PDB file of N, CA and C in Angstrom:
ATOM      1  N   MET A   1     -10.881   7.390  -0.379  1.00  0.00           N
ATOM      2  CA  MET A   1      -9.611   6.559  -1.416  1.00  0.00           C
ATOM      3  C   MET A   1      -9.065   7.674  -1.715  1.00  0.00           C
ATOM      4  N   PHE A   2      -9.293   9.171  -2.161  1.00  0.00           N
ATOM      5  CA  PHE A   2      -8.639   9.989  -2.331  1.00  0.00           C
ATOM      6  C   PHE A   2      -7.796  10.569  -0.987  1.00  0.00           C
ATOM      7  N   ILE A   3      -7.879  10.259   0.128  1.00  0.00           N
ATOM      8  CA  ILE A   3      -7.479  10.867   1.086  1.00  0.00           C
ATOM      9  C   ILE A   3      -6.286   9.503   1.419  1.00  0.00           C
ATOM     10  N   ALA A   4      -6.620   8.485   0.649  1.00  0.00           N
ATOM     11  CA  ALA A   4      -5.675   6.901   1.181  1.00  0.00           C
ATOM     12  C   ALA A   4      -4.336   7.480  -0.053  1.00  0.00           C
ATOM     13  N   PHE A   5      -4.799   8.142  -0.985  1.00  0.00           N
ATOM     14  CA  PHE A   5      -3.525   8.452  -2.399  1.00  0.00           C
ATOM     15  C   PHE A   5      -2.903   9.813  -1.546  1.00  0.00           C
ATOM     16  N   GLY A   6      -3.594  10.673  -1.472  1.00  0.00           N
ATOM     17  CA  GLY A   6      -2.909  11.909  -0.940  1.00  0.00           C
ATOM     18  C   GLY A   6      -1.867  11.490   0.438  1.00  0.00           C
ATOM     19  N   ILE A   7      -2.161  10.537   1.120  1.00  0.00           N
ATOM     20  CA  ILE A   7      -1.154  10.536   2.378  1.00  0.00           C
ATOM     21  C   ILE A   7       0.012   9.635   1.950  1.00  0.00           C
ATOM     22  N   GLU A   8      -0.297   8.834   0.942  1.00  0.00           N
ATOM     23  CA  GLU A   8       1.058   7.995   0.037  1.00  0.00           C
ATOM     24  C   GLU A   8       1.617   9.181  -0.640  1.00  0.00           C
ATOM     25  N   GLY A   9       1.081   9.726  -1.600  1.00  0.00           N
ATOM     26  CA  GLY A   9       1.766  10.830  -2.394  1.00  0.00           C
ATOM     27  C   GLY A   9       2.464  11.435  -1.420  1.00  0.00           C
ATOM     28  N   VAL A  10       1.896  12.131  -0.481  1.00  0.00           N
ATOM     29  CA  VAL A  10       2.692  12.780   0.761  1.00  0.00           C
ATOM     30  C   VAL A  10       3.923  12.278   1.096  1.00  0.00           C
ATOM     31  N   GLY A  11       3.726  10.823   1.102  1.00  0.00           N
ATOM     32  CA  GLY A  11       4.397  10.303   1.930  1.00  0.00           C
ATOM     33  C   GLY A  11       5.418  10.044   1.384  1.00  0.00           C
ATOM     34  N   ILE A  12       5.465   9.894   0.347  1.00  0.00           N
ATOM     35  CA  ILE A  12       6.415   9.307  -1.032  1.00  0.00           C
ATOM     36  C   ILE A  12       6.946  10.631  -1.894  1.00  0.00           C
ATOM     37  N   TYR A  13       6.518  11.646  -1.162  1.00  0.00           N
ATOM     38  CA  TYR A  13       7.400  13.082  -1.805  1.00  0.00           C
ATOM     39  C   TYR A  13       8.401  13.319  -0.658  1.00  0.00           C
ATOM     40  N   TYR A  14       8.094  13.122   0.716  1.00  0.00           N
ATOM     41  CA  TYR A  14       9.038  13.535   1.895  1.00  0.00           C
ATOM     42  C   TYR A  14       9.852  12.285   2.077  1.00  0.00           C
ATOM     43  N   LEU A  15       9.661  11.047   1.509  1.00  0.00           N
ATOM     44  CA  LEU A  15      10.488  10.040   1.646  1.00  0.00           C
ATOM     45  C   LEU A  15      11.593  10.371   0.804  1.00  0.00           C
ATOM     46  N   TYR A  16      11.250  10.859  -0.486  1.00  0.00           N
ATOM     47  CA  TYR A  16      12.182  11.124  -1.761  1.00  0.00           C
ATOM     48  C   TYR A  16      13.345  12.371  -0.956  1.00  0.00           C
ATOM     49  N   LEU A  17      12.586  13.370  -0.334  1.00  0.00           N
ATOM     50  CA  LEU A  17      13.188  14.708   0.465  1.00  0.00           C
ATOM     51  C   LEU A  17      14.204  14.078   1.732  1.00  0.00           C
ATOM     52  N   TRP A  18      13.565  13.379   2.421  1.00  0.00           N
ATOM     53  CA  TRP A  18      13.907  12.902   3.764  1.00  0.00           C
ATOM     54  C   TRP A  18      14.673  12.014   4.046  1.00  0.00           C
ATOM     55  N   GLY A  19      14.628  11.203   3.131  1.00  0.00           N
ATOM     56  CA  GLY A  19      14.932   9.264   3.225  1.00  0.00           C
ATOM     57  C   GLY A  19      16.399   9.277   3.590  1.00  0.00           C
ATOM     58  N   HIS A  20      17.049  10.179   3.373  1.00  0.00           N
ATOM     59  CA  HIS A  20      18.549   9.658   3.510  1.00  0.00           C
ATOM     60  C   HIS A  20      18.635   9.571   5.310  1.00  0.00           C
ATOM     61  N   ASP A  21      17.745  10.213   6.029  1.00  0.00           N
ATOM     62  CA  ASP A  21      17.830  10.087   7.894  1.00  0.00           C
ATOM     63  C   ASP A  21      17.303   8.956   7.990  1.00  0.00           C
ATOM     64  N   PRO A  22      17.911   8.018   8.393  1.00  0.00           N
ATOM     65  CA  PRO A  22      17.300   6.728   9.215  1.00  0.00           C
ATOM     66  C   PRO A  22      15.993   7.035   9.725  1.00  0.00           C
ATOM     67  N   PHE A  23      15.769   8.186  10.951  1.00  0.00           N
ATOM     68  CA  PHE A  23      14.711   8.513  11.248  1.00  0.00           C
ATOM     69  C   PHE A  23      13.532   8.605  10.329  1.00  0.00           C
ATOM     70  N   TRP A  24      13.464   9.356   9.719  1.00  0.00           N
ATOM     71  CA  TRP A  24      12.355   9.838   8.856  1.00  0.00           C
ATOM     72  C   TRP A  24      12.007   8.669   7.814  1.00  0.00           C
ATOM     73  N   PHE A  25      13.264   7.518   7.259  1.00  0.00           N
ATOM     74  CA  PHE A  25      13.170   6.539   6.375  1.00  0.00           C
ATOM     75  C   PHE A  25      12.197   5.404   7.261  1.00  0.00           C
ATOM     76  N   VAL A  26      12.479   5.328   8.565  1.00  0.00           N
ATOM     77  CA  VAL A  26      11.501   4.402   9.292  1.00  0.00           C
ATOM     78  C   VAL A  26       9.877   4.803   9.005  1.00  0.00           C
ATOM     79  N   LEU A  27      10.019   5.965   9.726  1.00  0.00           N
ATOM     80  CA  LEU A  27       8.721   6.934   9.504  1.00  0.00           C
ATOM     81  C   LEU A  27       7.802   6.833   8.839  1.00  0.00           C
ATOM     82  N   LEU A  28       8.488   7.533   7.644  1.00  0.00           N
ATOM     83  CA  LEU A  28       7.961   7.604   6.350  1.00  0.00           C
ATOM     84  C   LEU A  28       7.225   6.426   5.589  1.00  0.00           C
ATOM     85  N   SER A  29       8.524   5.238   5.639  1.00  0.00           N
ATOM     86  CA  SER A  29       8.098   4.039   4.878  1.00  0.00           C
ATOM     87  C   SER A  29       7.040   3.300   5.689  1.00  0.00           C
ATOM     88  N   GLY A  30       6.893   3.679   6.759  1.00  0.00           N
ATOM     89  CA  GLY A  30       5.870   3.029   7.675  1.00  0.00           C
ATOM     90  C   GLY A  30       4.344   3.613   6.885  1.00  0.00           C
ATOM     91  N   LEU A  31       4.383   5.163   6.918  1.00  0.00           N
ATOM     92  CA  LEU A  31       3.373   5.786   6.349  1.00  0.00           C
ATOM     93  C   LEU A  31       2.832   5.406   5.138  1.00  0.00           C
ATOM     94  N   VAL A  32       3.735   5.480   4.038  1.00  0.00           N
ATOM     95  CA  VAL A  32       3.360   4.705   2.737  1.00  0.00           C
ATOM     96  C   VAL A  32       3.067   3.250   2.936  1.00  0.00           C
ATOM     97  N   PHE A  33       3.367   2.342   3.862  1.00  0.00           N
ATOM     98  CA  PHE A  33       2.958   1.279   3.761  1.00  0.00           C
ATOM     99  C   PHE A  33       1.501   1.118   4.073  1.00  0.00           C
ATOM    100  N   PHE A  34       1.198   1.850   5.369  1.00  0.00           N
ATOM    101  CA  PHE A  34       0.063   1.962   5.641  1.00  0.00           C
ATOM    102  C   PHE A  34      -1.021   2.557   4.816  1.00  0.00           C
ATOM    103  N   ALA A  35      -0.362   3.661   3.939  1.00  0.00           N
ATOM    104  CA  ALA A  35      -1.725   3.848   2.881  1.00  0.00           C
ATOM    105  C   ALA A  35      -1.835   2.873   1.874  1.00  0.00           C
ATOM    106  N   TRP A  36      -0.655   2.553   1.509  1.00  0.00           N
ATOM    107  CA  TRP A  36      -0.740   1.544   0.536  1.00  0.00           C
ATOM    108  C   TRP A  36      -1.751   0.206   1.015  1.00  0.00           C
ATOM    109  N   GLY A  37      -1.600  -0.496   2.103  1.00  0.00           N
ATOM    110  CA  GLY A  37      -2.874  -1.000   2.673  1.00  0.00           C
ATOM    111  C   GLY A  37      -4.136  -0.391   3.015  1.00  0.00           C
ATOM    112  N   GLU A  38      -4.260   0.943   3.140  1.00  0.00           N
ATOM    113  CA  GLU A  38      -5.719   1.492   3.125  1.00  0.00           C
ATOM    114  C   GLU A  38      -6.004   1.049   1.821  1.00  0.00           C
ATOM    115  N   ILE A  39      -5.306   1.286   0.601  1.00  0.00           N
ATOM    116  CA  ILE A  39      -5.836   1.205  -0.619  1.00  0.00           C
ATOM    117  C   ILE A  39      -5.887  -0.153  -1.058  1.00  0.00           C
ATOM    118  N   TYR A  40      -5.435  -0.973  -0.540  1.00  0.00           N
ATOM    119  CA  TYR A  40      -5.683  -2.318  -1.022  1.00  0.00           C
ATOM    120  C   TYR A  40      -6.569  -2.862  -0.454  1.00  0.00           C
ATOM    121  N   GLY A  41      -6.991  -2.282   0.893  1.00  0.00           N
ATOM    122  CA  GLY A  41      -8.252  -3.100   1.651  1.00  0.00           C
ATOM    123  C   GLY A  41      -9.839  -2.602   1.011  1.00  0.00           C
ATOM    124  N   GLN A  42      -9.338  -1.461   0.523  1.00  0.00           N
ATOM    125  CA  GLN A  42     -10.528  -0.729  -0.154  1.00  0.00           C
ATOM    126  C   GLN A  42     -11.133  -1.489  -1.601  1.00  0.00           C
ATOM    127  N   ILE A  43     -10.014  -2.442  -1.901  1.00  0.00           N
ATOM    128  CA  ILE A  43     -10.644  -2.962  -3.383  1.00  0.00           C
ATOM    129  C   ILE A  43     -11.720  -4.399  -2.842  1.00  0.00           C
ATOM    130  N   PRO A  44     -12.748  -4.428  -3.605  1.00  0.00           N
ATOM    131  CA  PRO A  44     -13.590  -5.234  -2.933  1.00  0.00           C
ATOM    132  C   PRO A  44     -12.541  -6.997  -3.381  1.00  0.00           C
ATOM    133  N   ASN A  45     -12.762  -7.957  -2.473  1.00  0.00           N
ATOM    134  CA  ASN A  45     -12.027  -9.202  -2.775  1.00  0.00           C
ATOM    135  C   ASN A  45     -12.230  -9.946  -3.619  1.00  0.00           C
ATOM    136  N   HIS A  46     -13.619  -9.570  -4.690  1.00  0.00           N
ATOM    137  CA  HIS A  46     -13.582 -10.256  -5.773  1.00  0.00           C
ATOM    138  C   HIS A  46     -12.820  -9.920  -6.911  1.00  0.00           C
ATOM    139  N   GLN A  47     -12.174  -8.678  -6.857  1.00  0.00           N
ATOM    140  CA  GLN A  47     -11.402  -8.431  -8.002  1.00  0.00           C
ATOM    141  C   GLN A  47      -9.972  -8.722  -7.598  1.00  0.00           C
ATOM    142  N   ARG A  48      -9.366  -8.924  -6.590  1.00  0.00           N
ATOM    143  CA  ARG A  48      -8.284  -9.178  -6.040  1.00  0.00           C
ATOM    144  C   ARG A  48      -7.897 -10.679  -6.622  1.00  0.00           C
ATOM    145  N   GLY A  49      -6.812 -10.947  -7.511  1.00  0.00           N
ATOM    146  CA  GLY A  49      -6.109 -11.938  -8.131  1.00  0.00           C
ATOM    147  C   GLY A  49      -7.622 -12.947  -8.282  1.00  0.00           C
ATOM    148  N   SER A  50      -8.325 -12.757  -9.409  1.00  0.00           N
ATOM    149  CA  SER A  50      -9.443 -13.600  -9.904  1.00  0.00           C
ATOM    150  C   SER A  50      -8.832 -14.714 -10.599  1.00  0.00           C
ATOM    151  N   ALA A  51      -7.826 -14.476 -11.156  1.00  0.00           N
ATOM    152  CA  ALA A  51      -7.183 -15.598 -12.094  1.00  0.00           C
ATOM    153  C   ALA A  51      -6.684 -16.412 -10.877  1.00  0.00           C
ATOM    154  N   VAL A  52      -5.930 -16.359 -10.080  1.00  0.00           N
ATOM    155  CA  VAL A  52      -5.021 -17.465  -8.956  1.00  0.00           C
ATOM    156  C   VAL A  52      -6.433 -18.156  -8.329  1.00  0.00           C
ATOM    157  N   TRP A  53      -7.247 -17.366  -7.751  1.00  0.00           N
ATOM    158  CA  TRP A  53      -8.385 -18.001  -6.567  1.00  0.00           C
ATOM    159  C   TRP A  53      -8.724 -19.221  -7.072  1.00  0.00           C
ATOM    160  N   PRO A  54      -9.847 -19.243  -8.145  1.00  0.00           N
ATOM    161  CA  PRO A  54     -10.178 -20.565  -8.863  1.00  0.00           C
ATOM    162  C   PRO A  54      -9.329 -21.588  -8.474  1.00  0.00           C
ATOM    163  N   LYS A  55      -8.011 -21.334  -9.147  1.00  0.00           N
ATOM    164  CA  LYS A  55      -7.166 -22.705  -9.218  1.00  0.00           C
ATOM    165  C   LYS A  55      -6.724 -23.032  -7.610  1.00  0.00           C
ATOM    166  N   ALA A  56      -6.762 -22.290  -6.953  1.00  0.00           N
ATOM    167  CA  ALA A  56      -6.242 -22.651  -5.670  1.00  0.00           C
ATOM    168  C   ALA A  56      -7.302 -23.132  -4.596  1.00  0.00           C
ATOM    169  N   GLN A  57      -8.333 -22.775  -5.213  1.00  0.00           N
ATOM    170  CA  GLN A  57      -9.620 -23.536  -4.607  1.00  0.00           C
ATOM    171  C   GLN A  57     -10.032 -24.743  -4.838  1.00  0.00           C
ATOM    172  N   ARG A  58      -9.527 -25.047  -6.410  1.00  0.00           N
ATOM    173  CA  ARG A  58      -9.696 -26.396  -6.985  1.00  0.00           C
ATOM    174  C   ARG A  58      -8.709 -27.261  -6.248  1.00  0.00           C
ATOM    175  N   ARG A  59      -7.579 -26.874  -5.835  1.00  0.00           N
ATOM    176  CA  ARG A  59      -6.463 -27.658  -5.235  1.00  0.00           C
ATOM    177  C   ARG A  59      -6.962 -28.419  -3.900  1.00  0.00           C
ATOM    178  N   CYS A  60      -7.939 -27.772  -2.874  1.00  0.00           N
ATOM    179  CA  CYS A  60      -7.900 -27.751  -1.510  1.00  0.00           C
ATOM    180  C   CYS A  60      -8.988 -28.977  -1.332  1.00  0.00           C
TER     181      CYS A  60
END
């Protein structure tokens, strides 16, 4: 988890510095979204949207 947050932090910082160049914008934004997905993927499923899923399951 620390590595994923570190990658995202570094990516956001360099995106701030080099985000005006289209090449670096695409590369670093992809890195930031990848790190965000890694962080979100480590959260157990029962903690994600616990208020939404029971309602969605009753409708099915």
